[in-house]
Amino acid sequence: MTGSDASSSFRLAYVPGVTPAKWVRIWNERLPDVPLHLVAVSAAEACGVLRDGGADAGFVRLPVDGADLSAIPLYTETTVVVVPKDHLVTAAEEVSTEELADEIVLHPLDDTLDWEHLPGRPAIERPATTADAIELVAAGVGVLVVPQSLARLHHRRDLTYRPVVDAPASRVALSWPQEATTDLVEDFIGIVRGRTVNSSRGRRPAAAAETKGKGQEAGGARRKPAAGKPARKPAGKSPRGASGGGQGGKGGRRGKPRRRS
């Protein structure tokens, strides 16, 4: 981690389907003097943008390509099939890939799912983007299997979707270059992980040291006795006969010894 940040702002990349608004709001509340700039990137180019310095950190889809990028997995998305509203699939609450065997399943070039075996029948050509594939679904050309957030992003009133129970899932993570783990990156990691503003982790060391120094200055020095008042004696054993804790009961006086018979 670097001792100081070279930039006075923070650049956050995010891939389609990710909504960073909640974390941006918390950032603006905690660090109002450090502007946060959003950088929209495709899933395919996200790691390259981080590696080339186009963003300080980013929400990406796993896996990240390369050991030079750190990543904190955040959540796993439900995979759904997007179909026209009058499609037979809508009669069920969820479907399997086997039930799509007779369907033309569109496979866009920017697909984010790690398929071992593609379901259904392939289209003659692969759509360039997910947005293009959505248009083809609306035209009745085929169906599309995507993470649920992308189905919501490209929502159309004439389309709907259903979960696919045995399809691969997409995982979203926060990633950043290992060699550029700045104080601001640590601040954002703390926000994403839900740490409070008073947490010692995820806060910038300079701020923490400053807070600690002020605490020592305010309460670390021993107070001098007020003028005209004697200084307090250090706590210790009470002298014999003093009140509070002697063996003799009230007043601290020792009881009379018993006579021997």
C-alpha atoms as a PDB file:
ATOM      1  CA  MET A   1       0.000   0.000   0.000  1.00  0.00           C
ATOM      2  CA  THR A   2       1.297   3.422  -0.817  1.00  0.00           C
ATOM      3  CA  GLY A   3       1.674   6.043   1.862  1.00  0.00           C
ATOM      4  CA  SER A   4      -0.233   8.697  -0.070  1.00  0.00           C
ATOM      5  CA  ASP A   5      -2.430   8.934  -3.126  1.00  0.00           C
ATOM      6  CA  ALA A   6      -1.069  10.481  -6.292  1.00  0.00           C
ATOM      7  CA  SER A   7      -4.576  11.313  -7.499  1.00  0.00           C
ATOM      8  CA  SER A   8      -7.114  13.543  -5.787  1.00  0.00           C
ATOM      9  CA  SER A   9      -9.980  11.522  -7.273  1.00  0.00           C
ATOM     10  CA  PHE A  10     -11.009   7.866  -7.465  1.00  0.00           C
ATOM     11  CA  ARG A  11     -11.944   6.097 -10.708  1.00  0.00           C
ATOM     12  CA  LEU A  12     -14.253   3.105 -10.430  1.00  0.00           C
ATOM     13  CA  ALA A  13     -14.875   0.839 -13.412  1.00  0.00           C
ATOM     14  CA  TYR A  14     -17.968  -1.349 -13.641  1.00  0.00           C
ATOM     15  CA  VAL A  15     -19.224  -3.928 -16.121  1.00  0.00           C
ATOM     16  CA  PRO A  16     -22.770  -4.083 -17.534  1.00  0.00           C
ATOM     17  CA  GLY A  17     -25.298  -5.400 -15.032  1.00  0.00           C
ATOM     18  CA  VAL A  18     -23.491  -4.094 -11.947  1.00  0.00           C
ATOM     19  CA  THR A  19     -25.150  -1.185 -10.159  1.00  0.00           C
ATOM     20  CA  PRO A  20     -22.546   0.650  -8.025  1.00  0.00           C
ATOM     21  CA  ALA A  21     -24.919   3.395  -6.798  1.00  0.00           C
ATOM     22  CA  LYS A  22     -25.054   2.174  -3.173  1.00  0.00           C
ATOM     23  CA  TRP A  23     -21.286   2.122  -2.757  1.00  0.00           C
ATOM     24  CA  VAL A  24     -20.889   5.459  -4.541  1.00  0.00           C
ATOM     25  CA  ARG A  25     -23.362   7.057  -2.134  1.00  0.00           C
ATOM     26  CA  ILE A  26     -21.437   5.788   0.906  1.00  0.00           C
ATOM     27  CA  TRP A  27     -18.173   7.010  -0.639  1.00  0.00           C
ATOM     28  CA  ASN A  28     -19.587  10.505  -1.138  1.00  0.00           C
ATOM     29  CA  GLU A  29     -20.744  10.563   2.492  1.00  0.00           C
ATOM     30  CA  ARG A  30     -17.388   9.454   3.909  1.00  0.00           C
ATOM     31  CA  LEU A  31     -14.976  11.158   1.517  1.00  0.00           C
ATOM     32  CA  PRO A  32     -16.795  14.216   0.165  1.00  0.00           C
ATOM     33  CA  ASP A  33     -13.512  15.891  -0.793  1.00  0.00           C
ATOM     34  CA  VAL A  34     -12.469  13.014  -3.096  1.00  0.00           C
ATOM     35  CA  PRO A  35     -14.603  12.859  -6.254  1.00  0.00           C
ATOM     36  CA  LEU A  36     -15.508   9.371  -7.487  1.00  0.00           C
ATOM     37  CA  HIS A  37     -15.697   8.969 -11.272  1.00  0.00           C
ATOM     38  CA  LEU A  38     -17.512   5.984 -12.803  1.00  0.00           C
ATOM     39  CA  VAL A  39     -15.983   4.273 -15.836  1.00  0.00           C
ATOM     40  CA  ALA A  40     -18.343   1.998 -17.803  1.00  0.00           C
ATOM     41  CA  VAL A  41     -16.466  -0.910 -19.430  1.00  0.00           C
ATOM     42  CA  SER A  42     -17.400  -4.171 -21.115  1.00  0.00           C
ATOM     43  CA  ALA A  43     -16.763  -7.437 -19.292  1.00  0.00           C
ATOM     44  CA  ALA A  44     -14.056  -8.340 -21.808  1.00  0.00           C
ATOM     45  CA  GLU A  45     -12.065  -5.117 -21.431  1.00  0.00           C
ATOM     46  CA  ALA A  46     -12.446  -4.596 -17.650  1.00  0.00           C
ATOM     47  CA  CYS A  47      -9.172  -6.266 -16.629  1.00  0.00           C
ATOM     48  CA  GLY A  48      -7.238  -4.407 -19.327  1.00  0.00           C
ATOM     49  CA  VAL A  49      -8.594  -1.069 -18.133  1.00  0.00           C
ATOM     50  CA  LEU A  50      -7.431  -1.814 -14.576  1.00  0.00           C
ATOM     51  CA  ARG A  51      -4.055  -3.041 -15.748  1.00  0.00           C
ATOM     52  CA  ASP A  52      -3.478   0.010 -17.966  1.00  0.00           C
ATOM     53  CA  GLY A  53      -4.369   2.487 -15.221  1.00  0.00           C
ATOM     54  CA  GLY A  54      -7.707   3.530 -16.694  1.00  0.00           C
ATOM     55  CA  ALA A  55      -9.377   2.931 -13.312  1.00  0.00           C
ATOM     56  CA  ASP A  56      -8.205   2.515  -9.716  1.00  0.00           C
ATOM     57  CA  ALA A  57     -10.570  -0.398  -9.021  1.00  0.00           C
ATOM     58  CA  GLY A  58     -13.526  -2.019 -10.718  1.00  0.00           C
ATOM     59  CA  PHE A  59     -16.472  -4.357 -10.463  1.00  0.00           C
ATOM     60  CA  VAL A  60     -15.663  -7.229 -12.827  1.00  0.00           C
ATOM     61  CA  ARG A  61     -16.912 -10.697 -13.631  1.00  0.00           C
ATOM     62  CA  LEU A  62     -14.739 -13.602 -12.525  1.00  0.00           C
ATOM     63  CA  PRO A  63     -12.346 -15.038 -13.374  1.00  0.00           C
ATOM     64  CA  VAL A  64      -9.824 -12.207 -13.702  1.00  0.00           C
ATOM     65  CA  ASP A  65      -7.131 -12.850 -16.283  1.00  0.00           C
ATOM     66  CA  GLY A  66      -3.783 -12.605 -14.576  1.00  0.00           C
ATOM     67  CA  ALA A  67      -2.068 -12.931 -11.199  1.00  0.00           C
ATOM     68  CA  ASP A  68      -1.284  -9.201 -11.107  1.00  0.00           C
ATOM     69  CA  LEU A  69      -4.891  -8.327 -10.209  1.00  0.00           C
ATOM     70  CA  SER A  70      -6.403  -8.787  -6.757  1.00  0.00           C
ATOM     71  CA  ALA A  71     -10.083  -9.712  -6.519  1.00  0.00           C
ATOM     72  CA  ILE A  72     -12.659  -9.968  -3.743  1.00  0.00           C
ATOM     73  CA  PRO A  73     -15.689 -12.094  -4.785  1.00  0.00           C
ATOM     74  CA  LEU A  74     -18.905 -10.299  -3.848  1.00  0.00           C
ATOM     75  CA  TYR A  75     -21.891 -12.302  -5.071  1.00  0.00           C
ATOM     76  CA  THR A  76     -23.081 -14.932  -7.543  1.00  0.00           C
ATOM     77  CA  GLU A  77     -25.881 -14.109  -9.952  1.00  0.00           C
ATOM     78  CA  THR A  78     -28.865 -16.220 -10.952  1.00  0.00           C
ATOM     79  CA  THR A  79     -28.748 -17.294 -14.586  1.00  0.00           C
ATOM     80  CA  VAL A  80     -31.978 -16.844 -16.572  1.00  0.00           C
ATOM     81  CA  VAL A  81     -33.338 -17.463 -20.051  1.00  0.00           C
ATOM     82  CA  VAL A  82     -34.870 -14.450 -21.788  1.00  0.00           C
ATOM     83  CA  VAL A  83     -37.923 -15.283 -23.919  1.00  0.00           C
ATOM     84  CA  PRO A  84     -40.972 -13.552 -25.437  1.00  0.00           C
ATOM     85  CA  LYS A  85     -43.877 -13.218 -22.997  1.00  0.00           C
ATOM     86  CA  ASP A  86     -45.992 -15.707 -24.947  1.00  0.00           C
ATOM     87  CA  HIS A  87     -43.261 -18.392 -25.003  1.00  0.00           C
ATOM     88  CA  LEU A  88     -44.012 -21.876 -23.624  1.00  0.00           C
ATOM     89  CA  VAL A  89     -41.159 -21.486 -21.120  1.00  0.00           C
ATOM     90  CA  THR A  90     -43.216 -18.908 -19.202  1.00  0.00           C
ATOM     91  CA  ALA A  91     -45.592 -21.653 -18.036  1.00  0.00           C
ATOM     92  CA  ALA A  92     -42.917 -22.874 -15.573  1.00  0.00           C
ATOM     93  CA  GLU A  93     -41.264 -21.071 -12.663  1.00  0.00           C
ATOM     94  CA  GLU A  94     -37.832 -22.372 -13.699  1.00  0.00           C
ATOM     95  CA  VAL A  95     -36.326 -24.494 -16.456  1.00  0.00           C
ATOM     96  CA  SER A  96     -33.304 -26.700 -17.144  1.00  0.00           C
ATOM     97  CA  THR A  97     -30.904 -26.580 -20.073  1.00  0.00           C
ATOM     98  CA  GLU A  98     -32.392 -29.869 -21.290  1.00  0.00           C
ATOM     99  CA  GLU A  99     -35.745 -28.151 -21.721  1.00  0.00           C
ATOM    100  CA  LEU A 100     -34.044 -25.699 -24.103  1.00  0.00           C
ATOM    101  CA  ALA A 101     -32.725 -28.472 -26.337  1.00  0.00           C
ATOM    102  CA  ASP A 102     -35.092 -27.654 -29.201  1.00  0.00           C
ATOM    103  CA  GLU A 103     -34.634 -23.884 -28.935  1.00  0.00           C
ATOM    104  CA  ILE A 104     -32.221 -21.713 -30.905  1.00  0.00           C
ATOM    105  CA  VAL A 105     -30.080 -20.361 -28.050  1.00  0.00           C
ATOM    106  CA  LEU A 106     -28.282 -17.163 -29.031  1.00  0.00           C
ATOM    107  CA  HIS A 107     -24.633 -16.924 -27.984  1.00  0.00           C
ATOM    108  CA  PRO A 108     -23.390 -13.311 -28.245  1.00  0.00           C
ATOM    109  CA  LEU A 109     -19.687 -12.558 -28.566  1.00  0.00           C
ATOM    110  CA  ASP A 110     -19.727 -10.725 -25.226  1.00  0.00           C
ATOM    111  CA  ASP A 111     -21.262 -13.686 -23.379  1.00  0.00           C
ATOM    112  CA  THR A 112     -20.122 -13.728 -19.721  1.00  0.00           C
ATOM    113  CA  LEU A 113     -21.043 -17.346 -18.879  1.00  0.00           C
ATOM    114  CA  ASP A 114     -18.425 -20.091 -18.859  1.00  0.00           C
ATOM    115  CA  TRP A 115     -20.202 -22.799 -20.849  1.00  0.00           C
ATOM    116  CA  GLU A 116     -18.818 -26.323 -21.040  1.00  0.00           C
ATOM    117  CA  HIS A 117     -21.565 -27.351 -23.441  1.00  0.00           C
ATOM    118  CA  LEU A 118     -23.838 -24.759 -25.014  1.00  0.00           C
ATOM    119  CA  PRO A 119     -27.551 -25.597 -24.639  1.00  0.00           C
ATOM    120  CA  GLY A 120     -30.065 -25.762 -27.468  1.00  0.00           C
ATOM    121  CA  ARG A 121     -29.357 -25.298 -31.156  1.00  0.00           C
ATOM    122  CA  PRO A 122     -26.850 -22.669 -32.316  1.00  0.00           C
ATOM    123  CA  ALA A 123     -27.879 -19.700 -34.445  1.00  0.00           C
ATOM    124  CA  ILE A 124     -26.404 -19.249 -37.916  1.00  0.00           C
ATOM    125  CA  GLU A 125     -24.391 -16.261 -36.675  1.00  0.00           C
ATOM    126  CA  ARG A 126     -23.387 -15.088 -33.232  1.00  0.00           C
ATOM    127  CA  PRO A 127     -24.752 -11.641 -32.259  1.00  0.00           C
ATOM    128  CA  ALA A 128     -22.028  -9.073 -31.560  1.00  0.00           C
ATOM    129  CA  THR A 129     -23.452  -7.981 -28.217  1.00  0.00           C
ATOM    130  CA  THR A 130     -26.021  -8.987 -25.607  1.00  0.00           C
ATOM    131  CA  ALA A 131     -28.083  -5.959 -26.638  1.00  0.00           C
ATOM    132  CA  ASP A 132     -28.176  -7.295 -30.228  1.00  0.00           C
ATOM    133  CA  ALA A 133     -29.204 -10.723 -28.945  1.00  0.00           C
ATOM    134  CA  ILE A 134     -32.072  -9.181 -26.980  1.00  0.00           C
ATOM    135  CA  GLU A 135     -33.385  -7.611 -30.200  1.00  0.00           C
ATOM    136  CA  LEU A 136     -33.288 -11.010 -31.893  1.00  0.00           C
ATOM    137  CA  VAL A 137     -35.210 -12.587 -29.010  1.00  0.00           C
ATOM    138  CA  ALA A 138     -37.881  -9.907 -29.384  1.00  0.00           C
ATOM    139  CA  ALA A 139     -38.025 -10.708 -33.113  1.00  0.00           C
ATOM    140  CA  GLY A 140     -38.668 -14.374 -32.339  1.00  0.00           C
ATOM    141  CA  VAL A 141     -35.326 -15.619 -33.692  1.00  0.00           C
ATOM    142  CA  GLY A 142     -34.297 -17.469 -30.524  1.00  0.00           C
ATOM    143  CA  VAL A 143     -33.821 -17.293 -26.767  1.00  0.00           C
ATOM    144  CA  LEU A 144     -30.931 -15.953 -24.673  1.00  0.00           C
ATOM    145  CA  VAL A 145     -29.326 -17.265 -21.477  1.00  0.00           C
ATOM    146  CA  VAL A 146     -27.645 -14.526 -19.405  1.00  0.00           C
ATOM    147  CA  PRO A 147     -27.033 -13.402 -15.801  1.00  0.00           C
ATOM    148  CA  GLN A 148     -30.213 -11.950 -14.310  1.00  0.00           C
ATOM    149  CA  SER A 149     -28.745  -8.452 -14.012  1.00  0.00           C
ATOM    150  CA  LEU A 150     -28.251  -8.317 -17.780  1.00  0.00           C
ATOM    151  CA  ALA A 151     -31.832  -9.425 -18.365  1.00  0.00           C
ATOM    152  CA  ARG A 152     -32.929  -6.537 -16.139  1.00  0.00           C
ATOM    153  CA  LEU A 153     -30.543  -4.102 -17.814  1.00  0.00           C
ATOM    154  CA  HIS A 154     -32.006  -4.884 -21.244  1.00  0.00           C
ATOM    155  CA  HIS A 155     -35.598  -5.145 -20.028  1.00  0.00           C
ATOM    156  CA  ARG A 156     -38.335  -4.897 -22.641  1.00  0.00           C
ATOM    157  CA  ARG A 157     -42.074  -4.932 -22.051  1.00  0.00           C
ATOM    158  CA  ASP A 158     -42.552  -7.744 -24.578  1.00  0.00           C
ATOM    159  CA  LEU A 159     -39.930 -10.009 -22.996  1.00  0.00           C
ATOM    160  CA  THR A 160     -39.625 -11.882 -19.709  1.00  0.00           C
ATOM    161  CA  TYR A 161     -37.235 -14.425 -18.179  1.00  0.00           C
ATOM    162  CA  ARG A 162     -37.096 -17.591 -16.063  1.00  0.00           C
ATOM    163  CA  PRO A 163     -34.237 -19.045 -13.939  1.00  0.00           C
ATOM    164  CA  VAL A 164     -32.174 -21.856 -15.511  1.00  0.00           C
ATOM    165  CA  VAL A 165     -31.350 -24.236 -12.679  1.00  0.00           C
ATOM    166  CA  ASP A 166     -28.336 -26.046 -14.160  1.00  0.00           C
ATOM    167  CA  ALA A 167     -26.670 -23.272 -16.164  1.00  0.00           C
ATOM    168  CA  PRO A 168     -23.250 -21.866 -15.177  1.00  0.00           C
ATOM    169  CA  ALA A 169     -23.440 -18.790 -12.940  1.00  0.00           C
ATOM    170  CA  SER A 170     -21.597 -15.488 -13.173  1.00  0.00           C
ATOM    171  CA  ARG A 171     -19.701 -14.180 -10.148  1.00  0.00           C
ATOM    172  CA  VAL A 172     -19.080 -10.476  -9.585  1.00  0.00           C
ATOM    173  CA  ALA A 173     -15.953  -9.263  -7.789  1.00  0.00           C
ATOM    174  CA  LEU A 174     -14.149  -6.078  -6.831  1.00  0.00           C
ATOM    175  CA  SER A 175     -10.727  -6.056  -8.498  1.00  0.00           C
ATOM    176  CA  TRP A 176      -7.686  -3.772  -8.603  1.00  0.00           C
ATOM    177  CA  PRO A 177      -3.980  -3.994  -9.561  1.00  0.00           C
ATOM    178  CA  GLN A 178      -1.915  -5.499  -6.753  1.00  0.00           C
ATOM    179  CA  GLU A 179       0.909  -3.028  -7.289  1.00  0.00           C
ATOM    180  CA  ALA A 180      -1.514  -0.096  -7.014  1.00  0.00           C
ATOM    181  CA  THR A 181      -3.240  -0.861  -3.720  1.00  0.00           C
ATOM    182  CA  THR A 182      -3.483   2.786  -2.703  1.00  0.00           C
ATOM    183  CA  ASP A 183      -5.042   4.238   0.433  1.00  0.00           C
ATOM    184  CA  LEU A 184      -8.133   5.186  -1.567  1.00  0.00           C
ATOM    185  CA  VAL A 185      -8.448   1.607  -2.814  1.00  0.00           C
ATOM    186  CA  GLU A 186      -8.303   0.433   0.803  1.00  0.00           C
ATOM    187  CA  ASP A 187     -11.026   2.950   1.649  1.00  0.00           C
ATOM    188  CA  PHE A 188     -13.269   1.577  -1.089  1.00  0.00           C
ATOM    189  CA  ILE A 189     -12.587  -2.032  -0.050  1.00  0.00           C
ATOM    190  CA  GLY A 190     -13.764  -1.094   3.442  1.00  0.00           C
ATOM    191  CA  ILE A 191     -16.973   0.378   2.038  1.00  0.00           C
ATOM    192  CA  VAL A 192     -17.717  -2.664  -0.119  1.00  0.00           C
ATOM    193  CA  ARG A 193     -17.076  -5.016   2.800  1.00  0.00           C
ATOM    194  CA  GLY A 194     -19.483  -3.059   4.972  1.00  0.00           C
ATOM    195  CA  ARG A 195     -17.003  -1.689   7.487  1.00  0.00           C
ATOM    196  CA  THR A 196     -18.194   1.231   9.542  1.00  0.00           C
ATOM    197  CA  VAL A 197     -16.609   4.653   9.332  1.00  0.00           C
ATOM    198  CA  ASN A 198     -14.912   4.081  12.720  1.00  0.00           C
ATOM    199  CA  SER A 199     -13.371   0.761  11.698  1.00  0.00           C
ATOM    200  CA  SER A 200      -9.567   0.703  11.867  1.00  0.00           C
ATOM    201  CA  ARG A 201      -9.433  -1.455   8.717  1.00  0.00           C
ATOM    202  CA  GLY A 202     -10.163   0.087   5.368  1.00  0.00           C
ATOM    203  CA  ARG A 203      -9.300   3.599   6.538  1.00  0.00           C
ATOM    204  CA  ARG A 204      -6.302   5.534   5.373  1.00  0.00           C
ATOM    205  CA  PRO A 205      -3.272   5.120   7.699  1.00  0.00           C
ATOM    206  CA  ALA A 206      -2.580   8.867   7.679  1.00  0.00           C
ATOM    207  CA  ALA A 207      -6.068   9.594   8.966  1.00  0.00           C
ATOM    208  CA  ALA A 208      -5.816   6.872  11.583  1.00  0.00           C
ATOM    209  CA  ALA A 209      -2.433   8.147  12.777  1.00  0.00           C
ATOM    210  CA  GLU A 210      -3.765  11.692  12.951  1.00  0.00           C
ATOM    211  CA  THR A 211      -6.734  10.534  15.040  1.00  0.00           C
ATOM    212  CA  LYS A 212      -4.448   8.570  17.345  1.00  0.00           C
ATOM    213  CA  GLY A 213      -2.120  11.530  17.773  1.00  0.00           C
ATOM    214  CA  LYS A 214      -4.955  13.824  18.715  1.00  0.00           C
ATOM    215  CA  GLY A 215      -6.188  11.313  21.270  1.00  0.00           C
ATOM    216  CA  GLN A 216      -2.777  11.125  22.934  1.00  0.00           C
ATOM    217  CA  GLU A 217      -2.474  14.897  22.968  1.00  0.00           C
ATOM    218  CA  ALA A 218      -5.896  15.321  24.538  1.00  0.00           C
ATOM    219  CA  GLY A 219      -5.760  12.586  27.150  1.00  0.00           C
ATOM    220  CA  GLY A 220      -2.191  11.352  27.332  1.00  0.00           C
ATOM    221  CA  ALA A 221      -0.678  14.103  29.548  1.00  0.00           C
ATOM    222  CA  ARG A 222      -1.173  13.959  33.309  1.00  0.00           C
ATOM    223  CA  ARG A 223      -3.188  16.840  34.648  1.00  0.00           C
ATOM    224  CA  LYS A 224      -1.541  19.280  37.055  1.00  0.00           C
ATOM    225  CA  PRO A 225      -3.315  19.894  40.377  1.00  0.00           C
ATOM    226  CA  ALA A 226      -5.301  23.091  40.634  1.00  0.00           C
ATOM    227  CA  ALA A 227      -3.650  26.027  42.427  1.00  0.00           C
ATOM    228  CA  GLY A 228      -4.098  25.881  46.197  1.00  0.00           C
ATOM    229  CA  LYS A 229      -4.988  22.171  46.224  1.00  0.00           C
ATOM    230  CA  PRO A 230      -2.529  19.485  47.273  1.00  0.00           C
ATOM    231  CA  ALA A 231      -1.728  16.774  44.801  1.00  0.00           C
ATOM    232  CA  ARG A 232      -3.419  13.442  45.389  1.00  0.00           C
ATOM    233  CA  LYS A 233      -1.355  10.753  47.027  1.00  0.00           C
ATOM    234  CA  PRO A 234      -0.978   7.566  45.040  1.00  0.00           C
ATOM    235  CA  ALA A 235      -3.359   4.821  45.969  1.00  0.00           C
ATOM    236  CA  GLY A 236      -1.982   2.330  48.480  1.00  0.00           C
ATOM    237  CA  LYS A 237      -2.692   0.618  51.812  1.00  0.00           C
ATOM    238  CA  SER A 238      -4.632   2.689  54.297  1.00  0.00           C
ATOM    239  CA  PRO A 239      -2.730   3.541  57.472  1.00  0.00           C
ATOM    240  CA  ARG A 240      -3.782   1.753  60.644  1.00  0.00           C
ATOM    241  CA  GLY A 241      -6.747   3.386  62.212  1.00  0.00           C
ATOM    242  CA  ALA A 242      -7.836   5.115  59.010  1.00  0.00           C
ATOM    243  CA  SER A 243     -11.397   4.699  57.831  1.00  0.00           C
ATOM    244  CA  GLY A 244     -12.392   2.247  55.123  1.00  0.00           C
ATOM    245  CA  GLY A 245     -11.010  -1.247  55.262  1.00  0.00           C
ATOM    246  CA  GLY A 246      -9.442  -1.714  58.727  1.00  0.00           C
ATOM    247  CA  GLN A 247     -10.005  -4.920  60.728  1.00  0.00           C
ATOM    248  CA  GLY A 248     -11.662  -3.211  63.643  1.00  0.00           C
ATOM    249  CA  GLY A 249     -15.084  -2.293  62.156  1.00  0.00           C
ATOM    250  CA  LYS A 250     -16.357   1.319  62.399  1.00  0.00           C
ATOM    251  CA  GLY A 251     -13.789   4.053  62.577  1.00  0.00           C
ATOM    252  CA  GLY A 252     -11.007   1.653  61.720  1.00  0.00           C
ATOM    253  CA  ARG A 253     -10.211   0.975  65.445  1.00  0.00           C
ATOM    254  CA  ARG A 254      -8.999  -2.469  66.358  1.00  0.00           C
ATOM    255  CA  GLY A 255     -11.204  -4.453  68.719  1.00  0.00           C
ATOM    256  CA  LYS A 256     -10.132  -5.198  72.329  1.00  0.00           C
ATOM    257  CA  PRO A 257      -8.247  -8.481  72.763  1.00  0.00           C
ATOM    258  CA  ARG A 258     -10.129 -11.192  74.603  1.00  0.00           C
ATOM    259  CA  ARG A 259      -8.979 -12.177  78.045  1.00  0.00           C
ATOM    260  CA  ARG A 260      -7.497 -15.588  78.452  1.00  0.00           C
ATOM    261  CA  SER A 261      -9.445 -17.845  80.752  1.00  0.00           C
END
